[in-house]
Structure formats: C-alpha cells, structure tokens
C-alpha cells in the first residue's frame, strides 16, 4: 500500500519568462488564487521569475507582484 506523500514544508514556484509582460500578471494572479487553497495554508512560498533575455517590462512586473527575479542575459555568439 502506497503511503501519502508528506506535506511540503515550503514551496518554490519558478516561472520562466521571455518578454511576458502581457501574460505575467494573469499568471501571477492565478498563482495567488491557487495558493489560497486550504492545503497550502501556512506553507511558505517563494515565487521566482526567470526573466530570460527580456526586452520588455517582465522583470518590473514580476517585482511589482513581489516575485524574486533572476535576469538571464541573451546568449552571446562564440
């Protein structure tokens, strides 16, 4: 018989984003709604947006919503 998995003690949600300024607010709002689920109560959550070579306001929007931001540079040619 399989045992149920233990409840997590913390969560990290990582959202990869490349120029997602228009879509990111809806995604972060949906995450907030999901985290209101009773089983998420009391579980610390860190939201990280990986801003992948963004040239728009993705990082600023992520910061406005309280997410941590990791800005990834555009790849350089060799």
N, C-alpha and C. Protein backbone atom coordinates (compact mmCIF):
# COMPACT_ATOMS: atom_id res chain seq x y z
N UNK A 1 0.84 -1.17 0.00
CA UNK A 1 0.00 0.00 0.00
C UNK A 1 0.89 1.24 0.00
N UNK A 2 0.59 2.17 -0.89
CA UNK A 2 1.38 3.39 -1.01
C UNK A 2 0.96 4.39 0.06
N UNK A 3 1.95 4.95 0.73
CA UNK A 3 1.68 5.97 1.74
C UNK A 3 1.52 7.33 1.07
N UNK A 4 0.67 8.18 1.64
CA UNK A 4 0.55 9.53 1.08
C UNK A 4 1.85 10.30 1.28
N UNK A 5 2.16 11.15 0.33
CA UNK A 5 3.35 11.99 0.45
C UNK A 5 3.18 12.98 1.59
N UNK A 6 4.26 13.25 2.31
CA UNK A 6 4.15 14.26 3.38
C UNK A 6 3.91 15.63 2.79
N UNK A 7 3.27 16.48 3.54
CA UNK A 7 3.03 17.86 3.10
C UNK A 7 4.36 18.58 2.99
N UNK A 8 4.53 19.42 1.99
CA UNK A 8 5.79 20.15 1.87
C UNK A 8 5.93 21.18 2.99
N UNK A 9 7.17 21.44 3.38
CA UNK A 9 7.42 22.45 4.41
C UNK A 9 7.60 23.83 3.78
N UNK A 10 7.84 23.88 2.48
CA UNK A 10 7.98 25.14 1.74
C UNK A 10 7.84 24.82 0.25
N UNK A 11 7.51 25.85 -0.52
CA UNK A 11 7.37 25.69 -1.97
C UNK A 11 8.14 26.79 -2.69
N UNK A 12 8.67 26.42 -3.84
CA UNK A 12 9.26 27.40 -4.75
C UNK A 12 8.53 27.24 -6.08
N UNK A 13 8.03 28.34 -6.60
CA UNK A 13 7.38 28.35 -7.90
C UNK A 13 8.28 29.16 -8.82
N UNK A 14 8.77 28.52 -9.87
CA UNK A 14 9.66 29.19 -10.81
C UNK A 14 8.92 29.34 -12.13
N UNK A 15 8.84 30.57 -12.60
CA UNK A 15 8.14 30.88 -13.84
C UNK A 15 9.16 31.35 -14.86
N UNK A 16 9.41 30.54 -15.90
CA UNK A 16 10.29 31.02 -16.95
C UNK A 16 9.55 32.03 -17.82
N UNK A 17 10.20 33.10 -18.18
CA UNK A 17 9.52 34.15 -18.94
C UNK A 17 10.47 34.82 -19.92
N UNK A 18 10.01 34.96 -21.14
CA UNK A 18 10.74 35.74 -22.16
C UNK A 18 9.75 36.73 -22.76
N UNK A 19 9.90 37.99 -22.38
CA UNK A 19 9.00 39.05 -22.87
C UNK A 19 7.53 38.69 -22.64
N UNK A 20 7.21 38.43 -21.38
CA UNK A 20 5.86 38.01 -21.00
C UNK A 20 5.10 39.10 -20.25
N UNK A 21 5.41 40.35 -20.50
CA UNK A 21 4.80 41.45 -19.75
C UNK A 21 3.27 41.42 -19.82
N UNK A 22 2.72 41.00 -20.94
CA UNK A 22 1.26 40.99 -21.07
C UNK A 22 0.62 39.80 -20.37
N UNK A 23 1.30 38.66 -20.34
CA UNK A 23 0.73 37.44 -19.76
C UNK A 23 1.06 37.24 -18.29
N UNK A 24 2.17 37.81 -17.84
CA UNK A 24 2.66 37.55 -16.49
C UNK A 24 1.68 37.96 -15.39
N UNK A 25 1.02 39.11 -15.46
CA UNK A 25 0.09 39.46 -14.38
C UNK A 25 -1.02 38.42 -14.18
N UNK A 26 -1.56 37.88 -15.27
CA UNK A 26 -2.60 36.85 -15.13
C UNK A 26 -2.03 35.58 -14.51
N UNK A 27 -0.81 35.22 -14.89
CA UNK A 27 -0.19 34.02 -14.32
C UNK A 27 0.05 34.20 -12.82
N UNK A 28 0.55 35.35 -12.43
CA UNK A 28 0.81 35.59 -11.01
C UNK A 28 -0.48 35.71 -10.21
N UNK A 29 -1.51 36.27 -10.81
CA UNK A 29 -2.82 36.34 -10.13
C UNK A 29 -3.38 34.94 -9.95
N UNK A 30 -3.25 34.09 -10.95
CA UNK A 30 -3.74 32.71 -10.84
C UNK A 30 -2.97 31.95 -9.76
N UNK A 31 -1.68 32.21 -9.66
CA UNK A 31 -0.88 31.58 -8.61
C UNK A 31 -1.37 32.00 -7.24
N UNK A 32 -1.65 33.28 -7.07
CA UNK A 32 -2.18 33.76 -5.78
C UNK A 32 -3.48 33.05 -5.42
N UNK A 33 -4.35 32.89 -6.39
CA UNK A 33 -5.61 32.18 -6.14
C UNK A 33 -5.33 30.73 -5.73
N UNK A 34 -4.45 30.07 -6.46
CA UNK A 34 -4.13 28.67 -6.16
C UNK A 34 -3.55 28.53 -4.75
N UNK A 35 -2.77 29.51 -4.33
CA UNK A 35 -2.14 29.42 -3.01
C UNK A 35 -3.11 29.70 -1.87
N UNK A 36 -4.34 30.08 -2.20
CA UNK A 36 -5.36 30.24 -1.16
C UNK A 36 -6.02 28.90 -0.81
N UNK A 37 -5.65 27.86 -1.54
CA UNK A 37 -6.22 26.53 -1.27
C UNK A 37 -5.90 26.15 0.18
N UNK A 38 -6.85 25.55 0.88
CA UNK A 38 -6.62 25.21 2.29
C UNK A 38 -5.37 24.36 2.53
N UNK A 39 -5.02 23.50 1.61
CA UNK A 39 -3.84 22.66 1.82
C UNK A 39 -2.53 23.43 1.70
N UNK A 40 -2.59 24.64 1.16
CA UNK A 40 -1.39 25.48 1.06
C UNK A 40 -1.25 26.41 2.26
N UNK A 41 -2.24 26.43 3.13
CA UNK A 41 -2.22 27.34 4.27
C UNK A 41 -0.99 27.10 5.14
N UNK A 42 -0.30 28.17 5.43
CA UNK A 42 0.86 28.09 6.32
C UNK A 42 2.14 27.61 5.67
N UNK A 43 2.09 27.28 4.39
CA UNK A 43 3.30 26.82 3.70
C UNK A 43 3.99 28.03 3.07
N UNK A 44 5.24 28.31 3.45
CA UNK A 44 5.94 29.43 2.84
C UNK A 44 6.15 29.18 1.35
N UNK A 45 5.95 30.21 0.55
CA UNK A 45 6.09 30.10 -0.90
C UNK A 45 7.00 31.22 -1.41
N UNK A 46 7.96 30.85 -2.22
CA UNK A 46 8.82 31.80 -2.90
C UNK A 46 8.50 31.70 -4.38
N UNK A 47 8.17 32.83 -4.99
CA UNK A 47 7.92 32.87 -6.42
C UNK A 47 9.11 33.52 -7.09
N UNK A 48 9.64 32.83 -8.08
CA UNK A 48 10.81 33.32 -8.82
C UNK A 48 10.43 33.42 -10.29
N UNK A 49 10.69 34.56 -10.88
CA UNK A 49 10.50 34.73 -12.32
C UNK A 49 11.89 34.76 -12.94
N UNK A 50 12.14 33.81 -13.84
CA UNK A 50 13.39 33.76 -14.58
C UNK A 50 13.17 34.56 -15.86
N UNK A 51 13.60 35.80 -15.85
CA UNK A 51 13.41 36.71 -16.98
C UNK A 51 14.52 36.44 -17.99
N UNK A 52 14.17 35.69 -19.02
CA UNK A 52 15.14 35.19 -19.99
C UNK A 52 15.34 36.18 -21.14
N UNK A 53 16.39 36.98 -21.02
CA UNK A 53 16.76 37.95 -22.07
C UNK A 53 15.58 38.85 -22.45
N UNK A 54 14.84 39.31 -21.46
CA UNK A 54 13.65 40.13 -21.72
C UNK A 54 14.04 41.54 -22.17
N UNK A 55 13.27 42.04 -23.11
CA UNK A 55 13.46 43.42 -23.58
C UNK A 55 12.22 44.26 -23.29
N UNK A 56 11.30 43.69 -22.53
CA UNK A 56 10.09 44.41 -22.15
C UNK A 56 10.09 44.62 -20.63
N UNK A 57 8.95 44.84 -20.04
CA UNK A 57 8.85 45.14 -18.60
C UNK A 57 8.55 43.91 -17.75
N UNK A 58 8.88 42.73 -18.25
CA UNK A 58 8.62 41.50 -17.50
C UNK A 58 9.20 41.57 -16.09
N UNK A 59 10.46 41.94 -15.95
CA UNK A 59 11.11 41.97 -14.63
C UNK A 59 10.43 42.97 -13.70
N UNK A 60 10.08 44.13 -14.21
CA UNK A 60 9.42 45.14 -13.38
C UNK A 60 8.05 44.65 -12.90
N UNK A 61 7.33 43.99 -13.77
CA UNK A 61 6.02 43.46 -13.38
C UNK A 61 6.18 42.38 -12.33
N UNK A 62 7.15 41.50 -12.51
CA UNK A 62 7.41 40.46 -11.52
C UNK A 62 7.73 41.07 -10.16
N UNK A 63 8.55 42.10 -10.16
CA UNK A 63 8.90 42.78 -8.91
C UNK A 63 7.67 43.42 -8.28
N UNK A 64 6.83 44.03 -9.09
CA UNK A 64 5.60 44.66 -8.59
C UNK A 64 4.72 43.63 -7.87
N UNK A 65 4.70 42.40 -8.36
CA UNK A 65 3.89 41.33 -7.76
C UNK A 65 4.62 40.64 -6.60
N UNK A 66 5.83 41.08 -6.29
CA UNK A 66 6.55 40.52 -5.15
C UNK A 66 7.38 39.29 -5.46
N UNK A 67 7.57 38.98 -6.72
CA UNK A 67 8.37 37.82 -7.09
C UNK A 67 9.86 38.17 -7.04
N UNK A 68 10.65 37.17 -6.73
CA UNK A 68 12.10 37.32 -6.89
C UNK A 68 12.38 37.20 -8.38
N UNK A 69 13.42 37.87 -8.83
CA UNK A 69 13.71 37.88 -10.26
C UNK A 69 15.13 37.41 -10.48
N UNK A 70 15.27 36.51 -11.44
CA UNK A 70 16.59 36.11 -11.92
C UNK A 70 16.62 36.55 -13.38
N UNK A 71 17.47 37.52 -13.68
CA UNK A 71 17.55 38.02 -15.05
C UNK A 71 18.66 37.26 -15.78
N UNK A 72 18.26 36.58 -16.83
CA UNK A 72 19.18 35.78 -17.62
C UNK A 72 19.54 36.59 -18.87
N UNK A 73 20.81 36.74 -19.15
CA UNK A 73 21.22 37.53 -20.32
C UNK A 73 20.98 36.76 -21.61
N UNK A 74 20.93 37.50 -22.70
CA UNK A 74 20.83 36.87 -24.01
C UNK A 74 22.13 36.13 -24.28
N UNK A 75 22.05 35.00 -24.95
CA UNK A 75 23.29 34.28 -25.25
C UNK A 75 24.17 35.11 -26.19
N UNK A 76 25.46 35.00 -25.99
CA UNK A 76 26.40 35.70 -26.84
C UNK A 76 26.93 34.73 -27.87
N UNK A 77 27.22 35.22 -29.03
CA UNK A 77 27.77 34.33 -30.06
C UNK A 77 29.23 34.06 -29.75
N UNK A 78 29.65 32.89 -30.10
CA UNK A 78 31.04 32.46 -29.81
C UNK A 78 32.00 32.98 -30.83
